[in-house]
């Protein structure tokens, strides 16, 4: 991940969007992962995305980031959080299921839609 790519991931209009980053201090500060959402034009739904560096996958970072992102979205009054996951990305699909997301078919057969109704989960 280049510094320019990291900057793009975390440059956010916080009046509408949110980004959370996980870092660690080894020799230098290292970005482990980013979770973000972008508010839809309806001001009620937001699309989420999450990325965790390959070397750090399977250590609970994605779970913590997405869990926190759900909390922040709920506090900001967002009613629905959704995202598209590669259908073959079993760990991510399992994480979404674990956090209460409903999985459904996508028009693109290589993707699965994950959606969470934030008004019914407390």
PDB file of N, CA and C in Angstrom:
ATOM      1  N   UNK A   1       0.847  -1.180   0.000  1.00  0.00           N
ATOM      2  CA  UNK A   1       0.000   0.000   0.000  1.00  0.00           C
ATOM      3  C   UNK A   1       0.889   1.237   0.000  1.00  0.00           C
ATOM      4  N   UNK A   2       0.728   2.038  -1.017  1.00  0.00           N
ATOM      5  CA  UNK A   2       1.531   3.248  -1.137  1.00  0.00           C
ATOM      6  C   UNK A   2       0.939   4.356  -0.275  1.00  0.00           C
ATOM      7  N   UNK A   3       1.727   5.352   0.089  1.00  0.00           N
ATOM      8  CA  UNK A   3       1.184   6.492   0.851  1.00  0.00           C
ATOM      9  C   UNK A   3       0.026   7.189   0.129  1.00  0.00           C
ATOM     10  N   UNK A   4       0.102   7.256  -1.200  1.00  0.00           N
ATOM     11  CA  UNK A   4      -0.972   7.897  -1.964  1.00  0.00           C
ATOM     12  C   UNK A   4      -2.269   7.100  -1.862  1.00  0.00           C
ATOM     13  N   UNK A   5      -2.158   5.777  -1.941  1.00  0.00           N
ATOM     14  CA  UNK A   5      -3.335   4.908  -1.825  1.00  0.00           C
ATOM     15  C   UNK A   5      -3.943   5.033  -0.426  1.00  0.00           C
ATOM     16  N   UNK A   6      -3.110   5.039   0.586  1.00  0.00           N
ATOM     17  CA  UNK A   6      -3.585   5.187   1.969  1.00  0.00           C
ATOM     18  C   UNK A   6      -4.304   6.519   2.133  1.00  0.00           C
ATOM     19  N   UNK A   7      -3.740   7.576   1.582  1.00  0.00           N
ATOM     20  CA  UNK A   7      -4.362   8.902   1.672  1.00  0.00           C
ATOM     21  C   UNK A   7      -5.748   8.900   1.039  1.00  0.00           C
ATOM     22  N   UNK A   8      -5.879   8.241  -0.110  1.00  0.00           N
ATOM     23  CA  UNK A   8      -7.187   8.155  -0.771  1.00  0.00           C
ATOM     24  C   UNK A   8      -8.193   7.393   0.080  1.00  0.00           C
ATOM     25  N   UNK A   9      -7.743   6.345   0.749  1.00  0.00           N
ATOM     26  CA  UNK A   9      -8.646   5.544   1.577  1.00  0.00           C
ATOM     27  C   UNK A   9      -9.150   6.310   2.791  1.00  0.00           C
ATOM     28  N   UNK A  10      -8.292   7.142   3.346  1.00  0.00           N
ATOM     29  CA  UNK A  10      -8.675   7.799   4.599  1.00  0.00           C
ATOM     30  C   UNK A  10      -9.076   9.258   4.444  1.00  0.00           C
ATOM     31  N   UNK A  11      -9.025   9.813   3.234  1.00  0.00           N
ATOM     32  CA  UNK A  11      -9.517  11.175   3.003  1.00  0.00           C
ATOM     33  C   UNK A  11     -11.030  11.105   2.878  1.00  0.00           C
ATOM     34  N   UNK A  12     -11.699  11.695   3.844  1.00  0.00           N
ATOM     35  CA  UNK A  12     -13.140  11.482   3.970  1.00  0.00           C
ATOM     36  C   UNK A  12     -13.849  12.807   4.236  1.00  0.00           C
ATOM     37  N   UNK A  13     -15.018  12.977   3.634  1.00  0.00           N
ATOM     38  CA  UNK A  13     -15.918  14.080   3.979  1.00  0.00           C
ATOM     39  C   UNK A  13     -16.741  13.584   5.168  1.00  0.00           C
ATOM     40  N   UNK A  14     -16.308  13.892   6.383  1.00  0.00           N
ATOM     41  CA  UNK A  14     -16.926  13.328   7.578  1.00  0.00           C
ATOM     42  C   UNK A  14     -18.361  13.791   7.818  1.00  0.00           C
ATOM     43  N   UNK A  15     -18.831  14.750   7.050  1.00  0.00           N
ATOM     44  CA  UNK A  15     -20.242  15.135   7.189  1.00  0.00           C
ATOM     45  C   UNK A  15     -21.155  14.074   6.560  1.00  0.00           C
ATOM     46  N   UNK A  16     -20.602  13.233   5.674  1.00  0.00           N
ATOM     47  CA  UNK A  16     -21.404  12.216   4.993  1.00  0.00           C
ATOM     48  C   UNK A  16     -20.808  10.817   5.080  1.00  0.00           C
ATOM     49  N   UNK A  17     -19.527  10.718   5.263  1.00  0.00           N
ATOM     50  CA  UNK A  17     -18.840   9.439   5.150  1.00  0.00           C
ATOM     51  C   UNK A  17     -17.994   9.179   6.402  1.00  0.00           C
ATOM     52  N   UNK A  18     -17.467   7.955   6.493  1.00  0.00           N
ATOM     53  CA  UNK A  18     -16.630   7.593   7.631  1.00  0.00           C
ATOM     54  C   UNK A  18     -15.558   6.626   7.169  1.00  0.00           C
ATOM     55  N   UNK A  19     -14.382   6.750   7.743  1.00  0.00           N
ATOM     56  CA  UNK A  19     -13.301   5.786   7.511  1.00  0.00           C
ATOM     57  C   UNK A  19     -12.606   5.515   8.830  1.00  0.00           C
ATOM     58  N   UNK A  20     -12.351   4.254   9.088  1.00  0.00           N
ATOM     59  CA  UNK A  20     -11.614   3.832  10.268  1.00  0.00           C
ATOM     60  C   UNK A  20     -10.391   3.068   9.800  1.00  0.00           C
ATOM     61  N   UNK A  21      -9.258   3.319  10.428  1.00  0.00           N
ATOM     62  CA  UNK A  21      -8.023   2.645  10.033  1.00  0.00           C
ATOM     63  C   UNK A  21      -7.430   1.936  11.242  1.00  0.00           C
ATOM     64  N   UNK A  22      -6.847   0.786  10.989  1.00  0.00           N
ATOM     65  CA  UNK A  22      -6.098   0.047  12.008  1.00  0.00           C
ATOM     66  C   UNK A  22      -4.629   0.113  11.619  1.00  0.00           C
ATOM     67  N   UNK A  23      -3.793   0.536  12.551  1.00  0.00           N
ATOM     68  CA  UNK A  23      -2.362   0.641  12.289  1.00  0.00           C
ATOM     69  C   UNK A  23      -1.592  -0.020  13.432  1.00  0.00           C
ATOM     70  N   UNK A  24      -0.332  -0.247  13.184  1.00  0.00           N
ATOM     71  CA  UNK A  24       0.561  -0.748  14.220  1.00  0.00           C
ATOM     72  C   UNK A  24       1.901  -0.048  14.061  1.00  0.00           C
ATOM     73  N   UNK A  25       2.618   0.070  15.150  1.00  0.00           N
ATOM     74  CA  UNK A  25       3.957   0.649  15.112  1.00  0.00           C
ATOM     75  C   UNK A  25       4.962  -0.486  15.231  1.00  0.00           C
ATOM     76  N   UNK A  26       5.549  -0.852  14.115  1.00  0.00           N
ATOM     77  CA  UNK A  26       6.644  -1.821  14.122  1.00  0.00           C
ATOM     78  C   UNK A  26       7.911  -0.976  13.973  1.00  0.00           C
ATOM     79  N   UNK A  27       8.572  -1.049  12.850  1.00  0.00           N
ATOM     80  CA  UNK A  27       9.689  -0.130  12.601  1.00  0.00           C
ATOM     81  C   UNK A  27       9.133   1.253  12.287  1.00  0.00           C
ATOM     82  N   UNK A  28       8.074   1.279  11.490  1.00  0.00           N
ATOM     83  CA  UNK A  28       7.345   2.492  11.133  1.00  0.00           C
ATOM     84  C   UNK A  28       5.877   2.207  11.372  1.00  0.00           C
ATOM     85  N   UNK A  29       5.053   3.244  11.276  1.00  0.00           N
ATOM     86  CA  UNK A  29       3.622   3.002  11.363  1.00  0.00           C
ATOM     87  C   UNK A  29       3.186   2.235  10.120  1.00  0.00           C
ATOM     88  N   UNK A  30       2.455   1.148  10.340  1.00  0.00           N
ATOM     89  CA  UNK A  30       2.009   0.284   9.255  1.00  0.00           C
ATOM     90  C   UNK A  30       0.495   0.230   9.255  1.00  0.00           C
ATOM     91  N   UNK A  31      -0.096   0.469   8.093  1.00  0.00           N
ATOM     92  CA  UNK A  31      -1.546   0.370   7.944  1.00  0.00           C
ATOM     93  C   UNK A  31      -1.918  -1.098   7.824  1.00  0.00           C
ATOM     94  N   UNK A  32      -2.794  -1.564   8.720  1.00  0.00           N
ATOM     95  CA  UNK A  32      -3.231  -2.958   8.701  1.00  0.00           C
ATOM     96  C   UNK A  32      -4.522  -3.127   7.921  1.00  0.00           C
ATOM     97  N   UNK A  33      -5.418  -2.153   8.039  1.00  0.00           N
ATOM     98  CA  UNK A  33      -6.696  -2.251   7.357  1.00  0.00           C
ATOM     99  C   UNK A  33      -7.480  -0.967   7.449  1.00  0.00           C
ATOM    100  N   UNK A  34      -8.486  -0.865   6.589  1.00  0.00           N
ATOM    101  CA  UNK A  34      -9.378   0.295   6.554  1.00  0.00           C
ATOM    102  C   UNK A  34     -10.796  -0.200   6.331  1.00  0.00           C
ATOM    103  N   UNK A  35     -11.730   0.367   7.073  1.00  0.00           N
ATOM    104  CA  UNK A  35     -13.160   0.141   6.833  1.00  0.00           C
ATOM    105  C   UNK A  35     -13.786   1.512   6.642  1.00  0.00           C
ATOM    106  N   UNK A  36     -14.674   1.614   5.671  1.00  0.00           N
ATOM    107  CA  UNK A  36     -15.319   2.910   5.445  1.00  0.00           C
ATOM    108  C   UNK A  36     -16.727   2.721   4.918  1.00  0.00           C
ATOM    109  N   UNK A  37     -17.510   3.768   5.084  1.00  0.00           N
ATOM    110  CA  UNK A  37     -18.811   3.796   4.425  1.00  0.00           C
ATOM    111  C   UNK A  37     -18.984   5.128   3.741  1.00  0.00           C
ATOM    112  N   UNK A  38     -19.822   5.108   2.711  1.00  0.00           N
ATOM    113  CA  UNK A  38     -20.161   6.307   1.943  1.00  0.00           C
ATOM    114  C   UNK A  38     -21.673   6.401   1.941  1.00  0.00           C
ATOM    115  N   UNK A  39     -22.195   7.513   2.413  1.00  0.00           N
ATOM    116  CA  UNK A  39     -23.637   7.722   2.514  1.00  0.00           C
ATOM    117  C   UNK A  39     -24.260   7.863   1.133  1.00  0.00           C
ATOM    118  N   UNK A  40     -25.378   7.164   0.921  1.00  0.00           N
ATOM    119  CA  UNK A  40     -26.125   7.277  -0.335  1.00  0.00           C
ATOM    120  C   UNK A  40     -26.845   8.627  -0.385  1.00  0.00           C
ATOM    121  N   UNK A  41     -27.341   8.959  -1.562  1.00  0.00           N
ATOM    122  CA  UNK A  41     -28.068  10.222  -1.744  1.00  0.00           C
ATOM    123  C   UNK A  41     -29.343  10.291  -0.913  1.00  0.00           C
ATOM    124  N   UNK A  42     -29.907   9.127  -0.536  1.00  0.00           N
ATOM    125  CA  UNK A  42     -31.135   9.128   0.267  1.00  0.00           C
ATOM    126  C   UNK A  42     -30.876   9.503   1.728  1.00  0.00           C
ATOM    127  N   UNK A  43     -29.602   9.640   2.105  1.00  0.00           N
ATOM    128  CA  UNK A  43     -29.195   9.987   3.479  1.00  0.00           C
ATOM    129  C   UNK A  43     -29.638   8.966   4.520  1.00  0.00           C
ATOM    130  N   UNK A  44     -30.024   7.772   4.100  1.00  0.00           N
ATOM    131  CA  UNK A  44     -30.459   6.738   5.041  1.00  0.00           C
ATOM    132  C   UNK A  44     -29.630   5.468   4.931  1.00  0.00           C
ATOM    133  N   UNK A  45     -29.074   5.197   3.764  1.00  0.00           N
ATOM    134  CA  UNK A  45     -28.296   3.994   3.512  1.00  0.00           C
ATOM    135  C   UNK A  45     -26.859   4.377   3.206  1.00  0.00           C
ATOM    136  N   UNK A  46     -25.944   3.445   3.482  1.00  0.00           N
ATOM    137  CA  UNK A  46     -24.536   3.679   3.168  1.00  0.00           C
ATOM    138  C   UNK A  46     -23.906   2.385   2.685  1.00  0.00           C
ATOM    139  N   UNK A  47     -23.021   2.530   1.718  1.00  0.00           N
ATOM    140  CA  UNK A  47     -22.278   1.382   1.219  1.00  0.00           C
ATOM    141  C   UNK A  47     -20.962   1.288   1.980  1.00  0.00           C
ATOM    142  N   UNK A  48     -20.630   0.085   2.433  1.00  0.00           N
ATOM    143  CA  UNK A  48     -19.384  -0.102   3.167  1.00  0.00           C
ATOM    144  C   UNK A  48     -18.367  -0.848   2.325  1.00  0.00           C
ATOM    145  N   UNK A  49     -17.114  -0.671   2.684  1.00  0.00           N
ATOM    146  CA  UNK A  49     -16.013  -1.428   2.092  1.00  0.00           C
ATOM    147  C   UNK A  49     -14.980  -1.636   3.191  1.00  0.00           C
ATOM    148  N   UNK A  50     -14.274  -2.739   3.091  1.00  0.00           N
ATOM    149  CA  UNK A  50     -13.244  -3.040   4.076  1.00  0.00           C
ATOM    150  C   UNK A  50     -12.092  -3.721   3.364  1.00  0.00           C
ATOM    151  N   UNK A  51     -10.883  -3.380   3.778  1.00  0.00           N
ATOM    152  CA  UNK A  51      -9.689  -4.029   3.247  1.00  0.00           C
ATOM    153  C   UNK A  51      -8.721  -4.237   4.408  1.00  0.00           C
ATOM    154  N   UNK A  52      -8.138  -5.440   4.454  1.00  0.00           N
ATOM    155  CA  UNK A  52      -7.119  -5.772   5.444  1.00  0.00           C
ATOM    156  C   UNK A  52      -5.914  -6.305   4.678  1.00  0.00           C
ATOM    157  N   UNK A  53      -4.736  -5.810   5.014  1.00  0.00           N
ATOM    158  CA  UNK A  53      -3.510  -6.265   4.354  1.00  0.00           C
ATOM    159  C   UNK A  53      -3.386  -7.781   4.470  1.00  0.00           C
ATOM    160  N   UNK A  54      -2.948  -8.410   3.407  1.00  0.00           N
ATOM    161  CA  UNK A  54      -2.861  -9.875   3.360  1.00  0.00           C
ATOM    162  C   UNK A  54      -2.159 -10.467   4.577  1.00  0.00           C
ATOM    163  N   UNK A  55      -1.049  -9.883   4.972  1.00  0.00           N
ATOM    164  CA  UNK A  55      -0.261 -10.424   6.087  1.00  0.00           C
ATOM    165  C   UNK A  55      -0.990 -10.349   7.422  1.00  0.00           C
ATOM    166  N   UNK A  56      -2.043  -9.557   7.500  1.00  0.00           N
ATOM    167  CA  UNK A  56      -2.754  -9.351   8.766  1.00  0.00           C
ATOM    168  C   UNK A  56      -4.138  -9.977   8.770  1.00  0.00           C
ATOM    169  N   UNK A  57      -4.512 -10.673   7.708  1.00  0.00           N
ATOM    170  CA  UNK A  57      -5.830 -11.298   7.657  1.00  0.00           C
ATOM    171  C   UNK A  57      -5.898 -12.488   8.609  1.00  0.00           C
ATOM    172  N   UNK A  58      -7.101 -12.763   9.103  1.00  0.00           N
ATOM    173  CA  UNK A  58      -7.305 -13.890   9.998  1.00  0.00           C
ATOM    174  C   UNK A  58      -6.923 -13.613  11.442  1.00  0.00           C
ATOM    175  N   UNK A  59      -6.703 -12.349  11.789  1.00  0.00           N
ATOM    176  CA  UNK A  59      -6.300 -11.979  13.146  1.00  0.00           C
ATOM    177  C   UNK A  59      -7.350 -11.151  13.874  1.00  0.00           C
ATOM    178  N   UNK A  60      -8.551 -11.050  13.292  1.00  0.00           N
ATOM    179  CA  UNK A  60      -9.629 -10.317  13.943  1.00  0.00           C
ATOM    180  C   UNK A  60      -9.686  -8.831  13.628  1.00  0.00           C
ATOM    181  N   UNK A  61      -8.783  -8.355  12.804  1.00  0.00           N
ATOM    182  CA  UNK A  61      -8.750  -6.923  12.479  1.00  0.00           C
ATOM    183  C   UNK A  61      -9.986  -6.522  11.682  1.00  0.00           C
ATOM    184  N   UNK A  62     -10.340  -7.307  10.677  1.00  0.00           N
ATOM    185  CA  UNK A  62     -11.528  -7.019   9.878  1.00  0.00           C
ATOM    186  C   UNK A  62     -12.782  -7.022  10.721  1.00  0.00           C
ATOM    187  N   UNK A  63     -12.885  -7.974  11.632  1.00  0.00           N
ATOM    188  CA  UNK A  63     -14.037  -8.063  12.524  1.00  0.00           C
ATOM    189  C   UNK A  63     -14.161  -6.823  13.403  1.00  0.00           C
ATOM    190  N   UNK A  64     -13.048  -6.394  13.975  1.00  0.00           N
ATOM    191  CA  UNK A  64     -13.071  -5.191  14.822  1.00  0.00           C
ATOM    192  C   UNK A  64     -13.402  -3.951  14.016  1.00  0.00           C
ATOM    193  N   UNK A  65     -12.796  -3.811  12.841  1.00  0.00           N
ATOM    194  CA  UNK A  65     -13.058  -2.634  12.009  1.00  0.00           C
ATOM    195  C   UNK A  65     -14.510  -2.571  11.567  1.00  0.00           C
ATOM    196  N   UNK A  66     -15.038  -3.677  11.058  1.00  0.00           N
ATOM    197  CA  UNK A  66     -16.412  -3.667  10.572  1.00  0.00           C
ATOM    198  C   UNK A  66     -17.393  -3.504  11.729  1.00  0.00           C
ATOM    199  N   UNK A  67     -17.115  -4.134  12.861  1.00  0.00           N
ATOM    200  CA  UNK A  67     -17.968  -3.959  14.036  1.00  0.00           C
ATOM    201  C   UNK A  67     -18.034  -2.505  14.478  1.00  0.00           C
ATOM    202  N   UNK A  68     -16.883  -1.840  14.515  1.00  0.00           N
ATOM    203  CA  UNK A  68     -16.844  -0.412  14.885  1.00  0.00           C
ATOM    204  C   UNK A  68     -17.554   0.437  13.844  1.00  0.00           C
ATOM    205  N   UNK A  69     -17.389   0.100  12.566  1.00  0.00           N
ATOM    206  CA  UNK A  69     -18.046   0.857  11.506  1.00  0.00           C
ATOM    207  C   UNK A  69     -19.567   0.764  11.651  1.00  0.00           C
ATOM    208  N   UNK A  70     -20.071  -0.411  11.998  1.00  0.00           N
ATOM    209  CA  UNK A  70     -21.509  -0.591  12.231  1.00  0.00           C
ATOM    210  C   UNK A  70     -21.954   0.301  13.391  1.00  0.00           C
ATOM    211  N   UNK A  71     -21.189   0.314  14.480  1.00  0.00           N
ATOM    212  CA  UNK A  71     -21.532   1.165  15.639  1.00  0.00           C
ATOM    213  C   UNK A  71     -21.592   2.635  15.245  1.00  0.00           C
ATOM    214  N   UNK A  72     -20.597   3.098  14.500  1.00  0.00           N
ATOM    215  CA  UNK A  72     -20.546   4.506  14.087  1.00  0.00           C
ATOM    216  C   UNK A  72     -21.721   4.828  13.169  1.00  0.00           C
ATOM    217  N   UNK A  73     -22.012   3.956  12.224  1.00  0.00           N
ATOM    218  CA  UNK A  73     -23.141   4.186  11.305  1.00  0.00           C
ATOM    219  C   UNK A  73     -24.446   4.293  12.087  1.00  0.00           C
ATOM    220  N   UNK A  74     -24.630   3.421  13.040  1.00  0.00           N
ATOM    221  CA  UNK A  74     -25.851   3.449  13.859  1.00  0.00           C
ATOM    222  C   UNK A  74     -25.951   4.774  14.635  1.00  0.00           C
ATOM    223  N   UNK A  75     -24.834   5.189  15.244  1.00  0.00           N
ATOM    224  CA  UNK A  75     -24.830   6.460  16.002  1.00  0.00           C
ATOM    225  C   UNK A  75     -25.120   7.661  15.111  1.00  0.00           C
ATOM    226  N   UNK A  76     -24.756   7.571  13.840  1.00  0.00           N
ATOM    227  CA  UNK A  76     -25.011   8.670  12.910  1.00  0.00           C
ATOM    228  C   UNK A  76     -26.384   8.585  12.245  1.00  0.00           C
ATOM    229  N   UNK A  77     -27.200   7.663  12.700  1.00  0.00           N
ATOM    230  CA  UNK A  77     -28.574   7.590  12.219  1.00  0.00           C
ATOM    231  C   UNK A  77     -28.748   6.895  10.880  1.00  0.00           C
ATOM    232  N   UNK A  78     -27.742   6.210  10.423  1.00  0.00           N
ATOM    233  CA  UNK A  78     -27.868   5.468   9.166  1.00  0.00           C
ATOM    234  C   UNK A  78     -28.765   4.265   9.420  1.00  0.00           C
ATOM    235  N   UNK A  79     -29.695   4.032   8.527  1.00  0.00           N
ATOM    236  CA  UNK A  79     -30.683   2.970   8.714  1.00  0.00           C
ATOM    237  C   UNK A  79     -30.274   1.644   8.088  1.00  0.00           C
ATOM    238  N   UNK A  80     -29.422   1.684   7.066  1.00  0.00           N
ATOM    239  CA  UNK A  80     -29.053   0.451   6.367  1.00  0.00           C
ATOM    240  C   UNK A  80     -27.621   0.553   5.882  1.00  0.00           C
ATOM    241  N   UNK A  81     -26.847  -0.483   6.138  1.00  0.00           N
ATOM    242  CA  UNK A  81     -25.472  -0.577   5.679  1.00  0.00           C
ATOM    243  C   UNK A  81     -25.391  -1.769   4.728  1.00  0.00           C
ATOM    244  N   UNK A  82     -24.767  -1.590   3.571  1.00  0.00           N
ATOM    245  CA  UNK A  82     -24.695  -2.683   2.608  1.00  0.00           C
ATOM    246  C   UNK A  82     -23.351  -2.650   1.884  1.00  0.00           C
ATOM    247  N   UNK A  83     -22.982  -3.793   1.320  1.00  0.00           N
ATOM    248  CA  UNK A  83     -21.761  -3.887   0.535  1.00  0.00           C
ATOM    249  C   UNK A  83     -21.781  -5.134  -0.316  1.00  0.00           C
ATOM    250  N   UNK A  84     -20.957  -5.153  -1.321  1.00  0.00           N
ATOM    251  CA  UNK A  84     -20.841  -6.302  -2.210  1.00  0.00           C
ATOM    252  C   UNK A  84     -19.529  -7.020  -1.922  1.00  0.00           C
ATOM    253  N   UNK A  85     -19.623  -8.335  -1.757  1.00  0.00           N
ATOM    254  CA  UNK A  85     -18.482  -9.169  -1.387  1.00  0.00           C
ATOM    255  C   UNK A  85     -18.279 -10.198  -2.491  1.00  0.00           C
ATOM    256  N   UNK A  86     -17.040 -10.462  -2.823  1.00  0.00           N
ATOM    257  CA  UNK A  86     -16.776 -11.523  -3.786  1.00  0.00           C
ATOM    258  C   UNK A  86     -17.375 -12.824  -3.277  1.00  0.00           C
ATOM    259  N   UNK A  87     -18.129 -13.500  -4.122  1.00  0.00           N
ATOM    260  CA  UNK A  87     -18.837 -14.712  -3.715  1.00  0.00           C
ATOM    261  C   UNK A  87     -17.893 -15.807  -3.225  1.00  0.00           C
ATOM    262  N   UNK A  88     -16.646 -15.782  -3.663  1.00  0.00           N
ATOM    263  CA  UNK A  88     -15.696 -16.808  -3.227  1.00  0.00           C
ATOM    264  C   UNK A  88     -14.909 -16.389  -1.982  1.00  0.00           C
ATOM    265  N   UNK A  89     -15.177 -15.209  -1.445  1.00  0.00           N
ATOM    266  CA  UNK A  89     -14.471 -14.733  -0.251  1.00  0.00           C
ATOM    267  C   UNK A  89     -15.191 -15.241   1.003  1.00  0.00           C
ATOM    268  N   UNK A  90     -15.044 -16.514   1.271  1.00  0.00           N
ATOM    269  CA  UNK A  90     -15.740 -17.166   2.387  1.00  0.00           C
ATOM    270  C   UNK A  90     -15.471 -16.513   3.740  1.00  0.00           C
ATOM    271  N   UNK A  91     -14.220 -16.146   4.065  1.00  0.00           N
ATOM    272  CA  UNK A  91     -13.998 -15.507   5.374  1.00  0.00           C
ATOM    273  C   UNK A  91     -14.791 -14.208   5.543  1.00  0.00           C
ATOM    274  N   UNK A  92     -14.863 -13.392   4.483  1.00  0.00           N
ATOM    275  CA  UNK A  92     -15.609 -12.133   4.575  1.00  0.00           C
ATOM    276  C   UNK A  92     -17.107 -12.382   4.652  1.00  0.00           C
ATOM    277  N   UNK A  93     -17.599 -13.350   3.899  1.00  0.00           N
ATOM    278  CA  UNK A  93     -19.025 -13.687   3.967  1.00  0.00           C
ATOM    279  C   UNK A  93     -19.378 -14.176   5.375  1.00  0.00           C
ATOM    280  N   UNK A  94     -18.501 -14.977   5.970  1.00  0.00           N
ATOM    281  CA  UNK A  94     -18.737 -15.486   7.319  1.00  0.00           C
ATOM    282  C   UNK A  94     -18.701 -14.355   8.339  1.00  0.00           C
ATOM    283  N   UNK A  95     -17.789 -13.420   8.175  1.00  0.00           N
ATOM    284  CA  UNK A  95     -17.715 -12.260   9.065  1.00  0.00           C
ATOM    285  C   UNK A  95     -19.007 -11.447   8.973  1.00  0.00           C
ATOM    286  N   UNK A  96     -19.465 -11.186   7.760  1.00  0.00           N
ATOM    287  CA  UNK A  96     -20.708 -10.422   7.585  1.00  0.00           C
ATOM    288  C   UNK A  96     -21.869 -11.144   8.265  1.00  0.00           C
ATOM    289  N   UNK A  97     -21.963 -12.444   8.060  1.00  0.00           N
ATOM    290  CA  UNK A  97     -23.029 -13.239   8.701  1.00  0.00           C
ATOM    291  C   UNK A  97     -22.946 -13.129  10.221  1.00  0.00           C
ATOM    292  N   UNK A  98     -21.731 -13.260  10.744  1.00  0.00           N
ATOM    293  CA  UNK A  98     -21.507 -13.192  12.196  1.00  0.00           C
ATOM    294  C   UNK A  98     -21.962 -11.850  12.785  1.00  0.00           C
ATOM    295  N   UNK A  99     -21.806 -10.790  12.011  1.00  0.00           N
ATOM    296  CA  UNK A  99     -22.194  -9.458  12.479  1.00  0.00           C
ATOM    297  C   UNK A  99     -23.664  -9.144  12.207  1.00  0.00           C
ATOM    298  N   UNK A 100     -24.414 -10.107  11.659  1.00  0.00           N
ATOM    299  CA  UNK A 100     -25.847  -9.928  11.462  1.00  0.00           C
ATOM    300  C   UNK A 100     -26.266  -9.482  10.080  1.00  0.00           C
ATOM    301  N   UNK A 101     -25.339  -9.352   9.163  1.00  0.00           N
ATOM    302  CA  UNK A 101     -25.686  -8.974   7.797  1.00  0.00           C
ATOM    303  C   UNK A 101     -26.459 -10.108   7.135  1.00  0.00           C
ATOM    304  N   UNK A 102     -27.451  -9.764   6.355  1.00  0.00           N
ATOM    305  CA  UNK A 102     -28.192 -10.723   5.539  1.00  0.00           C
ATOM    306  C   UNK A 102     -27.502 -10.794   4.186  1.00  0.00           C
ATOM    307  N   UNK A 103     -27.275 -12.005   3.710  1.00  0.00           N
ATOM    308  CA  UNK A 103     -26.609 -12.202   2.426  1.00  0.00           C
ATOM    309  C   UNK A 103     -27.630 -12.550   1.367  1.00  0.00           C
ATOM    310  N   UNK A 104     -27.476 -11.966   0.192  1.00  0.00           N
ATOM    311  CA  UNK A 104     -28.400 -12.242  -0.908  1.00  0.00           C
ATOM    312  C   UNK A 104     -27.640 -12.258  -2.225  1.00  0.00           C
ATOM    313  N   UNK A 105     -28.288 -12.850  -3.227  1.00  0.00           N
ATOM    314  CA  UNK A 105     -27.679 -12.914  -4.555  1.00  0.00           C
ATOM    315  C   UNK A 105     -27.558 -11.516  -5.138  1.00  0.00           C
ATOM    316  N   UNK A 106     -26.560 -11.345  -5.917  1.00  0.00           N
ATOM    317  CA  UNK A 106     -26.304 -10.091  -6.614  1.00  0.00           C
ATOM    318  C   UNK A 106     -26.560 -10.343  -8.099  1.00  0.00           C
ATOM    319  N   UNK A 107     -26.853  -9.302  -8.855  1.00  0.00           N
ATOM    320  CA  UNK A 107     -27.056  -9.483 -10.297  1.00  0.00           C
ATOM    321  C   UNK A 107     -25.784  -9.997 -10.970  1.00  0.00           C
ATOM    322  N   UNK A 108     -24.632  -9.680 -10.397  1.00  0.00           N
ATOM    323  CA  UNK A 108     -23.358 -10.220 -10.864  1.00  0.00           C
ATOM    324  C   UNK A 108     -23.091 -11.501 -10.074  1.00  0.00           C
ATOM    325  N   UNK A 109     -23.036 -12.665 -10.729  1.00  0.00           N
ATOM    326  CA  UNK A 109     -22.895 -13.926  -9.998  1.00  0.00           C
ATOM    327  C   UNK A 109     -21.576 -14.079  -9.241  1.00  0.00           C
ATOM    328  N   UNK A 110     -20.611 -13.201  -9.498  1.00  0.00           N
ATOM    329  CA  UNK A 110     -19.342 -13.280  -8.764  1.00  0.00           C
ATOM    330  C   UNK A 110     -19.403 -12.530  -7.439  1.00  0.00           C
ATOM    331  N   UNK A 111     -20.549 -11.861  -7.178  1.00  0.00           N
ATOM    332  CA  UNK A 111     -20.700 -11.058  -5.960  1.00  0.00           C
ATOM    333  C   UNK A 111     -21.874 -11.545  -5.116  1.00  0.00           C
ATOM    334  N   UNK A 112     -21.787 -11.261  -3.829  1.00  0.00           N
ATOM    335  CA  UNK A 112     -22.887 -11.471  -2.888  1.00  0.00           C
ATOM    336  C   UNK A 112     -23.140 -10.150  -2.190  1.00  0.00           C
ATOM    337  N   UNK A 113     -24.405  -9.756  -2.071  1.00  0.00           N
ATOM    338  CA  UNK A 113     -24.760  -8.518  -1.381  1.00  0.00           C
ATOM    339  C   UNK A 113     -24.944  -8.821   0.103  1.00  0.00           C
ATOM    340  N   UNK A 114     -24.300  -8.028   0.941  1.00  0.00           N
ATOM    341  CA  UNK A 114     -24.461  -8.114   2.387  1.00  0.00           C
ATOM    342  C   UNK A 114     -25.158  -6.840   2.835  1.00  0.00           C
ATOM    343  N   UNK A 115     -26.258  -6.963   3.581  1.00  0.00           N
ATOM    344  CA  UNK A 115     -27.013  -5.791   4.029  1.00  0.00           C
ATOM    345  C   UNK A 115     -27.393  -5.967   5.487  1.00  0.00           C
ATOM    346  N   UNK A 116     -27.319  -4.877   6.226  1.00  0.00           N
ATOM    347  CA  UNK A 116     -27.660  -4.886   7.642  1.00  0.00           C
ATOM    348  C   UNK A 116     -28.632  -3.759   7.926  1.00  0.00           C
ATOM    349  N   UNK A 117     -29.788  -4.123   8.448  1.00  0.00           N
ATOM    350  CA  UNK A 117     -30.810  -3.148   8.872  1.00  0.00           C
ATOM    351  C   UNK A 117     -30.411  -2.660  10.251  1.00  0.00           C
ATOM    352  N   UNK A 118     -29.967  -1.410  10.340  1.00  0.00           N
ATOM    353  CA  UNK A 118     -29.468  -0.865  11.604  1.00  0.00           C
ATOM    354  C   UNK A 118     -30.591  -0.419  12.540  1.00  0.00           C
ATOM    355  N   UNK A 119     -31.813  -0.382  12.042  1.00  0.00           N
ATOM    356  CA  UNK A 119     -32.918   0.048  12.901  1.00  0.00           C
ATOM    357  C   UNK A 119     -33.409  -1.073  13.804  1.00  0.00           C
ATOM    358  N   UNK A 120     -33.100  -2.332  13.458  1.00  0.00           N
ATOM    359  CA  UNK A 120     -33.584  -3.476  14.242  1.00  0.00           C
ATOM    360  C   UNK A 120     -32.522  -4.115  15.108  1.00  0.00           C
ATOM    361  N   UNK A 121     -31.300  -3.661  15.063  1.00  0.00           N
ATOM    362  CA  UNK A 121     -30.213  -4.281  15.822  1.00  0.00           C
ATOM    363  C   UNK A 121     -29.692  -3.297  16.864  1.00  0.00           C
ATOM    364  N   UNK A 122     -29.694  -3.697  18.098  1.00  0.00           N
ATOM    365  CA  UNK A 122     -29.164  -2.855  19.185  1.00  0.00           C
ATOM    366  C   UNK A 122     -28.223  -3.628  20.045  1.00  0.00           C
TER     367      UNK A 122
END
